[in-house]
Amino acid sequence: LFIDEIGNASLAIQSRLLRFVETGKLRTVGSSKEIQTDTRLIFATNANLNSMVKEKLFRTDFFNRINVFSIEFSPLREHPEDIKSITESILKSKGFCITQIALALLEQHKWTGNIRELKNCLQRAMLYCKNKVIEEQDITFC
């Protein structure tokens, strides 16, 4: 089970998830019976959970249970050399292509929203472009 943006979970939700992590049991909505599950959990966040624990915004006990194995990815803005291959892969799967000038615009952007922001930008550009070729004027940043 993939749970994205765990850093945004309220303390109450963290408490409930902690119980699930510890017992593997859950109760579906409207049921009075608990079900035992065999689930592998994967959590993701862009928040600094260590500092959130220190600031008491994230439960220490929950953090200790879920922080078994961490993988850190650098933000897209730190490796702009990957923008071309990511962009071409996304566009190729949809039958689109991009001009070098438009690609250069993408490579210069800071991408605070990482790949999700890039994907959204490309989806907008696919709506604006003509003949399935994304040009400079088709690129808009939010």
C-alpha atoms as a PDB file:
ATOM      1  CA  LEU A   1       0.000   0.000   0.000  1.00  0.00           C
ATOM      2  CA  PHE A   2       1.520   3.303  -1.112  1.00  0.00           C
ATOM      3  CA  ILE A   3       0.702   6.289   1.087  1.00  0.00           C
ATOM      4  CA  ASP A   4       1.870   9.554  -0.443  1.00  0.00           C
ATOM      5  CA  GLU A   5       2.573  12.788   1.468  1.00  0.00           C
ATOM      6  CA  ILE A   6       2.577  11.147   4.887  1.00  0.00           C
ATOM      7  CA  GLY A   7       4.114  14.360   6.214  1.00  0.00           C
ATOM      8  CA  ASN A   8       0.732  16.040   5.735  1.00  0.00           C
ATOM      9  CA  ALA A   9      -1.133  13.494   7.865  1.00  0.00           C
ATOM     10  CA  SER A  10      -2.701  14.892  11.028  1.00  0.00           C
ATOM     11  CA  LEU A  11      -1.614  13.575  14.403  1.00  0.00           C
ATOM     12  CA  ALA A  12      -4.958  11.758  14.670  1.00  0.00           C
ATOM     13  CA  ILE A  13      -4.423   9.986  11.358  1.00  0.00           C
ATOM     14  CA  GLN A  14      -0.856   9.148  12.359  1.00  0.00           C
ATOM     15  CA  SER A  15      -2.223   7.535  15.512  1.00  0.00           C
ATOM     16  CA  ARG A  16      -4.617   5.366  13.505  1.00  0.00           C
ATOM     17  CA  LEU A  17      -1.947   4.430  11.005  1.00  0.00           C
ATOM     18  CA  LEU A  18       0.438   3.572  13.850  1.00  0.00           C
ATOM     19  CA  ARG A  19      -2.088   1.086  15.185  1.00  0.00           C
ATOM     20  CA  PHE A  20      -2.428  -0.454  11.718  1.00  0.00           C
ATOM     21  CA  VAL A  21       1.360  -0.632  11.273  1.00  0.00           C
ATOM     22  CA  GLU A  22       1.746  -2.346  14.646  1.00  0.00           C
ATOM     23  CA  THR A  23      -1.137  -4.830  14.386  1.00  0.00           C
ATOM     24  CA  GLY A  24      -1.806  -5.229  10.673  1.00  0.00           C
ATOM     25  CA  LYS A  25      -5.497  -5.038  11.498  1.00  0.00           C
ATOM     26  CA  LEU A  26      -8.082  -2.688  10.059  1.00  0.00           C
ATOM     27  CA  ARG A  27     -11.802  -2.137  10.147  1.00  0.00           C
ATOM     28  CA  THR A  28     -13.590  -1.207   6.942  1.00  0.00           C
ATOM     29  CA  VAL A  29     -16.083   1.642   6.923  1.00  0.00           C
ATOM     30  CA  GLY A  30     -19.403   0.537   8.388  1.00  0.00           C
ATOM     31  CA  SER A  31     -18.042  -2.717   9.792  1.00  0.00           C
ATOM     32  CA  SER A  32     -17.653  -3.718  13.409  1.00  0.00           C
ATOM     33  CA  LYS A  33     -15.177  -6.523  12.635  1.00  0.00           C
ATOM     34  CA  GLU A  34     -11.430  -6.127  12.307  1.00  0.00           C
ATOM     35  CA  ILE A  35      -9.630  -7.775   9.418  1.00  0.00           C
ATOM     36  CA  GLN A  36      -6.055  -9.057   9.641  1.00  0.00           C
ATOM     37  CA  THR A  37      -3.991  -8.022   6.612  1.00  0.00           C
ATOM     38  CA  ASP A  38      -0.606  -8.914   5.191  1.00  0.00           C
ATOM     39  CA  THR A  39       0.449  -5.614   3.706  1.00  0.00           C
ATOM     40  CA  ARG A  40       3.719  -3.979   2.764  1.00  0.00           C
ATOM     41  CA  LEU A  41       3.535  -0.239   3.336  1.00  0.00           C
ATOM     42  CA  ILE A  42       5.462   2.376   1.388  1.00  0.00           C
ATOM     43  CA  PHE A  43       5.313   5.980   2.551  1.00  0.00           C
ATOM     44  CA  ALA A  44       6.431   9.045   0.620  1.00  0.00           C
ATOM     45  CA  THR A  45       6.827  12.692   1.506  1.00  0.00           C
ATOM     46  CA  ASN A  46       8.725  15.771   0.501  1.00  0.00           C
ATOM     47  CA  ALA A  47       8.639  16.981   4.114  1.00  0.00           C
ATOM     48  CA  ASN A  48      11.583  16.683   6.482  1.00  0.00           C
ATOM     49  CA  LEU A  49      10.099  14.236   8.975  1.00  0.00           C
ATOM     50  CA  ASN A  50      13.109  14.467  11.312  1.00  0.00           C
ATOM     51  CA  SER A  51      12.531  18.170  11.863  1.00  0.00           C
ATOM     52  CA  MET A  52       8.762  17.623  12.105  1.00  0.00           C
ATOM     53  CA  VAL A  53       9.371  15.092  14.899  1.00  0.00           C
ATOM     54  CA  LYS A  54      11.541  17.647  16.725  1.00  0.00           C
ATOM     55  CA  GLU A  55       8.816  20.275  16.319  1.00  0.00           C
ATOM     56  CA  LYS A  56       6.204  17.764  17.563  1.00  0.00           C
ATOM     57  CA  LEU A  57       4.324  17.965  14.259  1.00  0.00           C
ATOM     58  CA  PHE A  58       4.939  14.280  13.554  1.00  0.00           C
ATOM     59  CA  ARG A  59       4.674  11.457  16.071  1.00  0.00           C
ATOM     60  CA  THR A  60       8.030  10.023  17.142  1.00  0.00           C
ATOM     61  CA  ASP A  61       6.641   6.514  17.675  1.00  0.00           C
ATOM     62  CA  PHE A  62       5.012   6.490  14.243  1.00  0.00           C
ATOM     63  CA  PHE A  63       8.168   7.834  12.596  1.00  0.00           C
ATOM     64  CA  ASN A  64      10.234   5.116  14.259  1.00  0.00           C
ATOM     65  CA  ARG A  65       7.866   2.404  12.979  1.00  0.00           C
ATOM     66  CA  ILE A  66       7.765   3.589   9.370  1.00  0.00           C
ATOM     67  CA  ASN A  67      11.386   4.683   8.990  1.00  0.00           C
ATOM     68  CA  VAL A  68      12.739   1.182   8.359  1.00  0.00           C
ATOM     69  CA  PHE A  69      14.345   1.803   4.991  1.00  0.00           C
ATOM     70  CA  SER A  70      14.690   5.244   3.429  1.00  0.00           C
ATOM     71  CA  ILE A  71      15.337   6.182  -0.158  1.00  0.00           C
ATOM     72  CA  GLU A  72      16.001   9.817  -0.917  1.00  0.00           C
ATOM     73  CA  PHE A  73      15.555  11.279  -4.374  1.00  0.00           C
ATOM     74  CA  SER A  74      17.026  14.608  -5.307  1.00  0.00           C
ATOM     75  CA  PRO A  75      14.597  17.141  -6.746  1.00  0.00           C
ATOM     76  CA  LEU A  76      14.339  17.443 -10.515  1.00  0.00           C
ATOM     77  CA  ARG A  77      15.841  20.940 -10.377  1.00  0.00           C
ATOM     78  CA  GLU A  78      19.120  19.369  -9.166  1.00  0.00           C
ATOM     79  CA  HIS A  79      19.464  17.172 -12.254  1.00  0.00           C
ATOM     80  CA  PRO A  80      18.153  19.127 -15.245  1.00  0.00           C
ATOM     81  CA  GLU A  81      20.070  16.779 -17.561  1.00  0.00           C
ATOM     82  CA  ASP A  82      17.232  14.258 -16.972  1.00  0.00           C
ATOM     83  CA  ILE A  83      14.505  16.607 -18.211  1.00  0.00           C
ATOM     84  CA  LYS A  84      15.109  15.747 -21.865  1.00  0.00           C
ATOM     85  CA  SER A  85      14.770  11.977 -21.427  1.00  0.00           C
ATOM     86  CA  ILE A  86      11.775  12.283 -19.078  1.00  0.00           C
ATOM     87  CA  THR A  87      10.053  14.704 -21.457  1.00  0.00           C
ATOM     88  CA  GLU A  88      10.722  12.616 -24.544  1.00  0.00           C
ATOM     89  CA  SER A  89       9.501   9.469 -22.799  1.00  0.00           C
ATOM     90  CA  ILE A  90       6.239  11.109 -21.724  1.00  0.00           C
ATOM     91  CA  LEU A  91       5.630  12.657 -25.139  1.00  0.00           C
ATOM     92  CA  LYS A  92       6.586   9.567 -27.142  1.00  0.00           C
ATOM     93  CA  SER A  93       4.034   7.469 -25.258  1.00  0.00           C
ATOM     94  CA  LYS A  94       1.348   9.955 -26.406  1.00  0.00           C
ATOM     95  CA  GLY A  95       2.624  10.363 -29.976  1.00  0.00           C
ATOM     96  CA  PHE A  96       3.962  13.902 -29.472  1.00  0.00           C
ATOM     97  CA  CYS A  97       7.373  15.509 -29.935  1.00  0.00           C
ATOM     98  CA  ILE A  98       9.012  18.755 -28.811  1.00  0.00           C
ATOM     99  CA  THR A  99      11.231  21.341 -30.483  1.00  0.00           C
ATOM    100  CA  GLN A 100      14.716  22.049 -29.143  1.00  0.00           C
ATOM    101  CA  ILE A 101      13.726  25.612 -28.166  1.00  0.00           C
ATOM    102  CA  ALA A 102      10.739  24.369 -26.154  1.00  0.00           C
ATOM    103  CA  LEU A 103      12.918  21.696 -24.532  1.00  0.00           C
ATOM    104  CA  ALA A 104      15.476  24.354 -23.584  1.00  0.00           C
ATOM    105  CA  LEU A 105      12.685  26.283 -21.808  1.00  0.00           C
ATOM    106  CA  LEU A 106      11.843  23.183 -19.781  1.00  0.00           C
ATOM    107  CA  GLU A 107      15.497  22.628 -18.884  1.00  0.00           C
ATOM    108  CA  GLN A 108      15.805  26.197 -17.545  1.00  0.00           C
ATOM    109  CA  HIS A 109      12.754  25.977 -15.272  1.00  0.00           C
ATOM    110  CA  LYS A 110      13.268  25.299 -11.513  1.00  0.00           C
ATOM    111  CA  TRP A 111      10.561  22.570 -11.176  1.00  0.00           C
ATOM    112  CA  THR A 112       9.608  23.072  -7.545  1.00  0.00           C
ATOM    113  CA  GLY A 113       6.812  20.538  -8.144  1.00  0.00           C
ATOM    114  CA  ASN A 114       9.284  17.996  -9.537  1.00  0.00           C
ATOM    115  CA  ILE A 115       8.147  15.467 -12.134  1.00  0.00           C
ATOM    116  CA  ARG A 116       4.452  16.006 -11.374  1.00  0.00           C
ATOM    117  CA  GLU A 117       4.827  19.651 -12.342  1.00  0.00           C
ATOM    118  CA  LEU A 118       6.720  18.677 -15.504  1.00  0.00           C
ATOM    119  CA  LYS A 119       3.997  16.178 -16.451  1.00  0.00           C
ATOM    120  CA  ASN A 120       1.267  18.796 -15.910  1.00  0.00           C
ATOM    121  CA  CYS A 121       3.197  21.325 -17.972  1.00  0.00           C
ATOM    122  CA  LEU A 122       3.536  18.800 -20.794  1.00  0.00           C
ATOM    123  CA  GLN A 123      -0.154  17.868 -20.621  1.00  0.00           C
ATOM    124  CA  ARG A 124      -1.064  21.559 -21.004  1.00  0.00           C
ATOM    125  CA  ALA A 125       1.358  21.914 -23.887  1.00  0.00           C
ATOM    126  CA  MET A 126      -0.169  18.876 -25.620  1.00  0.00           C
ATOM    127  CA  LEU A 127      -3.537  20.636 -25.485  1.00  0.00           C
ATOM    128  CA  TYR A 128      -2.156  23.871 -26.950  1.00  0.00           C
ATOM    129  CA  CYS A 129       0.155  22.526 -29.639  1.00  0.00           C
ATOM    130  CA  LYS A 130      -0.553  21.922 -33.306  1.00  0.00           C
ATOM    131  CA  ASN A 131       0.235  18.746 -35.235  1.00  0.00           C
ATOM    132  CA  LYS A 132       1.464  16.997 -32.076  1.00  0.00           C
ATOM    133  CA  VAL A 133       4.635  19.137 -31.982  1.00  0.00           C
ATOM    134  CA  ILE A 134       5.203  21.168 -28.827  1.00  0.00           C
ATOM    135  CA  GLU A 135       6.771  24.540 -29.526  1.00  0.00           C
ATOM    136  CA  GLU A 136       7.992  27.356 -27.300  1.00  0.00           C
ATOM    137  CA  GLN A 137       4.626  29.189 -27.278  1.00  0.00           C
ATOM    138  CA  ASP A 138       2.881  26.011 -26.085  1.00  0.00           C
ATOM    139  CA  ILE A 139       4.862  25.914 -22.839  1.00  0.00           C
ATOM    140  CA  THR A 140       3.251  27.589 -19.816  1.00  0.00           C
ATOM    141  CA  PHE A 141       4.366  27.340 -16.205  1.00  0.00           C
ATOM    142  CA  CYS A 142       2.002  27.543 -13.253  1.00  0.00           C
END
